[in-house]
Amino acid sequence: MQPPDPPTDMYLEPVDWDGHPIDFYSNITFKCKNGMKFAHDFDLESLQATCLPGNEWIAPVWMKCVPSKPNVNVMVNIVNDIVSHLTFSQALSSSTYIF
C-alpha cells in the first residue's frame, strides 16, 4: 500500500518509504522539506502515518512547514513597502525605526 499524500502546500515528504508496498501496522515518517521546520513548533522533528488493513491509514493532522531561516529578500521587500507608504514627516516623527 502507498502512504497518504499530505497536501502540497504543507511542504512535507516521506523519508523512509522506498516506493514498495507497506506492511500493515508499519509507520511512514514525514518530515519537512530541506531547510524548513514545522510552523507551530520548530522543535518537532516529524509526523507518523500508520498503515492499516483495508487500504486505510491512521494519518496525522498535517502541519505546515515554513522556512527555518528568514528570507532576507522577503524581509527587505516588507520594509521597503512600509517605508514607501510613509511621508517624510511621518518617518522623521516616528518613534519606531526599522533597521
N, C-alpha and C. Protein backbone atom coordinates (compact mmCIF):
# COMPACT_ATOMS: atom_id res chain seq x y z
N MET A 1 0.83 -1.17 0.00
CA MET A 1 0.00 0.00 0.00
C MET A 1 0.88 1.25 0.00
N GLN A 2 0.42 2.29 -0.64
CA GLN A 2 1.17 3.54 -0.74
C GLN A 2 0.76 4.48 0.40
N PRO A 3 1.71 5.25 0.95
CA PRO A 3 1.37 6.16 2.06
C PRO A 3 0.47 7.30 1.58
N PRO A 4 -0.24 7.91 2.52
CA PRO A 4 -1.08 9.05 2.16
C PRO A 4 -0.23 10.23 1.69
N ASP A 5 -0.81 11.04 0.83
CA ASP A 5 -0.11 12.24 0.36
C ASP A 5 -0.57 13.45 1.15
N PRO A 6 0.34 14.10 1.87
CA PRO A 6 -0.05 15.34 2.53
C PRO A 6 -0.30 16.42 1.47
N PRO A 7 -1.11 17.41 1.77
CA PRO A 7 -1.32 18.50 0.81
C PRO A 7 0.03 19.12 0.41
N THR A 8 0.17 19.49 -0.85
CA THR A 8 1.45 20.00 -1.34
C THR A 8 1.87 21.29 -0.63
N ASP A 9 0.90 22.09 -0.18
CA ASP A 9 1.25 23.36 0.48
C ASP A 9 1.72 23.18 1.91
N MET A 10 1.83 21.93 2.37
CA MET A 10 2.38 21.65 3.71
C MET A 10 3.89 21.45 3.65
N TYR A 11 4.43 21.17 2.45
CA TYR A 11 5.87 21.00 2.22
C TYR A 11 6.47 19.85 3.03
N LEU A 12 5.73 18.73 3.06
CA LEU A 12 6.18 17.52 3.76
C LEU A 12 6.58 16.47 2.74
N GLU A 13 7.48 15.57 3.16
CA GLU A 13 7.85 14.45 2.30
C GLU A 13 8.12 13.22 3.15
N PRO A 14 7.77 12.03 2.61
CA PRO A 14 8.10 10.81 3.35
C PRO A 14 9.60 10.57 3.28
N VAL A 15 10.18 10.17 4.40
CA VAL A 15 11.64 10.00 4.43
C VAL A 15 12.07 8.54 4.52
N ASP A 16 11.15 7.66 4.83
CA ASP A 16 11.55 6.25 5.00
C ASP A 16 10.71 5.31 4.14
N TRP A 17 10.21 5.79 3.02
CA TRP A 17 9.43 4.95 2.11
C TRP A 17 10.25 4.71 0.86
N ASP A 18 10.42 3.46 0.49
CA ASP A 18 11.24 3.10 -0.67
C ASP A 18 10.42 2.91 -1.94
N GLY A 19 9.13 3.21 -1.90
CA GLY A 19 8.28 3.07 -3.08
C GLY A 19 7.58 1.72 -3.17
N HIS A 20 7.94 0.79 -2.31
CA HIS A 20 7.30 -0.53 -2.31
C HIS A 20 6.10 -0.53 -1.38
N PRO A 21 5.20 -1.53 -1.54
CA PRO A 21 4.04 -1.62 -0.63
C PRO A 21 4.49 -1.68 0.83
N ILE A 22 3.67 -1.13 1.68
CA ILE A 22 3.99 -1.02 3.10
C ILE A 22 3.21 -2.09 3.86
N ASP A 23 3.88 -2.73 4.80
CA ASP A 23 3.22 -3.75 5.63
C ASP A 23 2.19 -3.11 6.54
N PHE A 24 1.13 -3.87 6.83
CA PHE A 24 0.13 -3.40 7.79
C PHE A 24 0.78 -3.12 9.13
N TYR A 25 0.33 -2.08 9.77
CA TYR A 25 0.79 -1.61 11.08
C TYR A 25 2.22 -1.06 11.06
N SER A 26 2.73 -0.80 9.86
CA SER A 26 4.03 -0.15 9.74
C SER A 26 3.83 1.36 9.67
N ASN A 27 4.83 2.10 10.10
CA ASN A 27 4.76 3.56 10.08
C ASN A 27 5.59 4.13 8.94
N ILE A 28 5.15 5.26 8.44
CA ILE A 28 5.91 6.06 7.50
C ILE A 28 6.14 7.41 8.18
N THR A 29 7.36 7.88 8.09
CA THR A 29 7.73 9.15 8.70
C THR A 29 7.71 10.26 7.65
N PHE A 30 7.09 11.37 7.99
CA PHE A 30 7.06 12.55 7.14
C PHE A 30 7.83 13.66 7.84
N LYS A 31 8.73 14.29 7.10
CA LYS A 31 9.48 15.43 7.63
C LYS A 31 9.30 16.63 6.71
N CYS A 32 9.59 17.79 7.24
CA CYS A 32 9.57 19.00 6.42
C CYS A 32 10.67 18.90 5.37
N LYS A 33 10.40 19.50 4.21
CA LYS A 33 11.42 19.53 3.17
C LYS A 33 12.65 20.28 3.66
N ASN A 34 13.76 20.06 2.99
CA ASN A 34 15.05 20.62 3.39
C ASN A 34 14.97 22.13 3.62
N GLY A 35 15.50 22.57 4.76
CA GLY A 35 15.53 24.00 5.08
C GLY A 35 14.25 24.52 5.69
N MET A 36 13.33 23.60 6.04
CA MET A 36 12.05 24.02 6.60
C MET A 36 11.83 23.36 7.95
N LYS A 37 10.94 23.98 8.74
CA LYS A 37 10.55 23.46 10.06
C LYS A 37 9.02 23.58 10.18
N PHE A 38 8.46 22.84 11.13
CA PHE A 38 7.02 22.95 11.37
C PHE A 38 6.71 24.34 11.91
N ALA A 39 5.74 24.99 11.31
CA ALA A 39 5.42 26.38 11.65
C ALA A 39 5.04 26.54 13.11
N HIS A 40 4.29 25.62 13.66
CA HIS A 40 3.79 25.79 15.04
C HIS A 40 4.79 25.32 16.10
N ASP A 41 5.82 24.55 15.66
CA ASP A 41 6.76 24.00 16.64
C ASP A 41 8.08 23.66 15.94
N PHE A 42 9.05 24.56 16.00
CA PHE A 42 10.32 24.35 15.33
C PHE A 42 11.09 23.15 15.90
N ASP A 43 10.73 22.68 17.09
CA ASP A 43 11.41 21.54 17.69
C ASP A 43 10.85 20.20 17.25
N LEU A 44 9.66 20.20 16.66
CA LEU A 44 9.05 18.95 16.20
C LEU A 44 9.85 18.42 15.02
N GLU A 45 10.20 17.15 15.07
CA GLU A 45 11.06 16.55 14.04
C GLU A 45 10.28 15.92 12.89
N SER A 46 9.15 15.26 13.19
CA SER A 46 8.46 14.51 12.15
C SER A 46 7.02 14.20 12.55
N LEU A 47 6.29 13.67 11.57
CA LEU A 47 4.93 13.16 11.77
C LEU A 47 4.91 11.71 11.31
N GLN A 48 4.02 10.90 11.89
CA GLN A 48 3.94 9.49 11.54
C GLN A 48 2.56 9.16 10.98
N ALA A 49 2.53 8.30 9.97
CA ALA A 49 1.29 7.72 9.45
C ALA A 49 1.42 6.21 9.58
N THR A 50 0.34 5.53 9.97
CA THR A 50 0.36 4.09 10.19
C THR A 50 -0.56 3.39 9.19
N CYS A 51 -0.04 2.38 8.52
CA CYS A 51 -0.79 1.59 7.54
C CYS A 51 -1.69 0.58 8.26
N LEU A 52 -2.96 0.52 7.85
CA LEU A 52 -3.93 -0.42 8.43
C LEU A 52 -4.49 -1.32 7.33
N PRO A 53 -5.02 -2.48 7.71
CA PRO A 53 -5.69 -3.33 6.71
C PRO A 53 -6.89 -2.58 6.09
N GLY A 54 -7.26 -3.00 4.90
CA GLY A 54 -8.42 -2.39 4.25
C GLY A 54 -8.10 -1.10 3.51
N ASN A 55 -6.84 -0.91 3.14
CA ASN A 55 -6.42 0.28 2.41
C ASN A 55 -6.72 1.57 3.19
N GLU A 56 -6.48 1.51 4.49
CA GLU A 56 -6.71 2.68 5.35
C GLU A 56 -5.42 3.06 6.06
N TRP A 57 -5.40 4.31 6.52
CA TRP A 57 -4.25 4.85 7.23
C TRP A 57 -4.71 5.61 8.45
N ILE A 58 -3.90 5.54 9.48
CA ILE A 58 -4.03 6.50 10.58
C ILE A 58 -3.06 7.61 10.20
N ALA A 59 -3.60 8.67 9.67
CA ALA A 59 -2.76 9.77 9.20
C ALA A 59 -2.73 10.86 10.26
N PRO A 60 -1.62 11.56 10.35
CA PRO A 60 -1.53 12.66 11.31
C PRO A 60 -2.33 13.86 10.83
N VAL A 61 -2.52 14.80 11.72
CA VAL A 61 -3.02 16.09 11.30
C VAL A 61 -1.84 16.74 10.58
N TRP A 62 -2.00 17.00 9.28
CA TRP A 62 -0.89 17.57 8.51
C TRP A 62 -0.60 18.97 9.00
N MET A 63 0.65 19.23 9.28
CA MET A 63 1.08 20.54 9.77
C MET A 63 1.99 21.20 8.74
N LYS A 64 1.81 22.48 8.58
CA LYS A 64 2.56 23.22 7.56
C LYS A 64 4.00 23.47 7.97
N CYS A 65 4.88 23.37 6.98
CA CYS A 65 6.29 23.68 7.18
C CYS A 65 6.58 25.06 6.58
N VAL A 66 7.49 25.76 7.22
CA VAL A 66 7.90 27.10 6.78
C VAL A 66 9.43 27.15 6.75
N PRO A 67 10.00 28.11 6.01
CA PRO A 67 11.46 28.21 6.01
C PRO A 67 11.98 28.41 7.42
N SER A 68 13.08 27.71 7.74
CA SER A 68 13.62 27.80 9.10
C SER A 68 14.52 29.01 9.30
N LYS A 69 14.94 29.64 8.21
CA LYS A 69 15.75 30.85 8.31
C LYS A 69 15.00 31.97 7.61
N PRO A 70 15.06 33.17 8.14
CA PRO A 70 14.37 34.27 7.48
C PRO A 70 14.91 34.48 6.07
N ASN A 71 14.02 34.76 5.17
CA ASN A 71 14.40 35.07 3.80
C ASN A 71 14.66 36.57 3.72
N VAL A 72 15.91 36.93 3.55
CA VAL A 72 16.30 38.35 3.57
C VAL A 72 15.57 39.13 2.49
N ASN A 73 15.41 38.57 1.31
CA ASN A 73 14.73 39.29 0.23
C ASN A 73 13.28 39.61 0.59
N VAL A 74 12.60 38.67 1.23
CA VAL A 74 11.22 38.92 1.64
C VAL A 74 11.19 40.02 2.69
N MET A 75 12.12 39.98 3.65
CA MET A 75 12.14 41.00 4.70
C MET A 75 12.44 42.38 4.13
N VAL A 76 13.35 42.47 3.19
CA VAL A 76 13.67 43.75 2.55
C VAL A 76 12.45 44.29 1.83
N ASN A 77 11.72 43.43 1.14
CA ASN A 77 10.50 43.87 0.43
C ASN A 77 9.45 44.39 1.41
N ILE A 78 9.31 43.76 2.56
CA ILE A 78 8.34 44.21 3.56
C ILE A 78 8.74 45.58 4.08
N VAL A 79 10.00 45.74 4.43
CA VAL A 79 10.49 47.03 4.93
C VAL A 79 10.31 48.11 3.87
N ASN A 80 10.68 47.83 2.64
CA ASN A 80 10.52 48.80 1.56
C ASN A 80 9.06 49.20 1.36
N ASP A 81 8.17 48.23 1.49
CA ASP A 81 6.74 48.52 1.35
C ASP A 81 6.26 49.45 2.46
N ILE A 82 6.71 49.19 3.68
CA ILE A 82 6.32 50.05 4.81
C ILE A 82 6.87 51.47 4.61
N VAL A 83 8.13 51.56 4.28
CA VAL A 83 8.77 52.86 4.11
C VAL A 83 8.15 53.65 2.97
N SER A 84 7.77 52.97 1.90
CA SER A 84 7.20 53.68 0.74
C SER A 84 5.86 54.32 1.05
N HIS A 85 5.19 53.86 2.11
CA HIS A 85 3.89 54.42 2.47
C HIS A 85 3.99 55.54 3.50
N LEU A 86 5.18 55.81 3.99
CA LEU A 86 5.37 56.88 4.96
C LEU A 86 5.71 58.18 4.24
N THR A 87 5.18 59.26 4.74
CA THR A 87 5.62 60.56 4.24
C THR A 87 6.93 60.90 4.95
N PHE A 88 7.66 61.84 4.45
CA PHE A 88 8.93 62.23 5.06
C PHE A 88 8.73 62.66 6.50
N SER A 89 7.69 63.46 6.77
CA SER A 89 7.47 63.93 8.14
C SER A 89 7.06 62.78 9.07
N GLN A 90 6.31 61.80 8.57
CA GLN A 90 5.95 60.65 9.39
C GLN A 90 7.20 59.86 9.75
N ALA A 91 8.07 59.70 8.78
CA ALA A 91 9.30 58.94 9.03
C ALA A 91 10.16 59.62 10.07
N LEU A 92 10.24 60.96 10.02
CA LEU A 92 11.06 61.70 10.98
C LEU A 92 10.44 61.70 12.37
N SER A 93 9.12 61.75 12.46
CA SER A 93 8.47 61.84 13.76
C SER A 93 8.17 60.48 14.38
N SER A 94 8.40 59.43 13.65
CA SER A 94 8.09 58.10 14.15
C SER A 94 9.03 57.74 15.29
N SER A 95 8.48 57.12 16.33
CA SER A 95 9.33 56.70 17.44
C SER A 95 9.82 55.26 17.21
N THR A 96 9.36 54.61 16.15
CA THR A 96 9.78 53.25 15.84
C THR A 96 10.60 53.27 14.57
N TYR A 97 11.78 52.72 14.65
CA TYR A 97 12.65 52.69 13.48
C TYR A 97 12.94 51.23 13.12
N ILE A 98 12.97 50.98 11.85
CA ILE A 98 13.27 49.64 11.36
C ILE A 98 14.67 49.67 10.77
N PHE A 99 15.53 48.84 11.31
CA PHE A 99 16.91 48.78 10.80
C PHE A 99 17.16 47.43 10.20
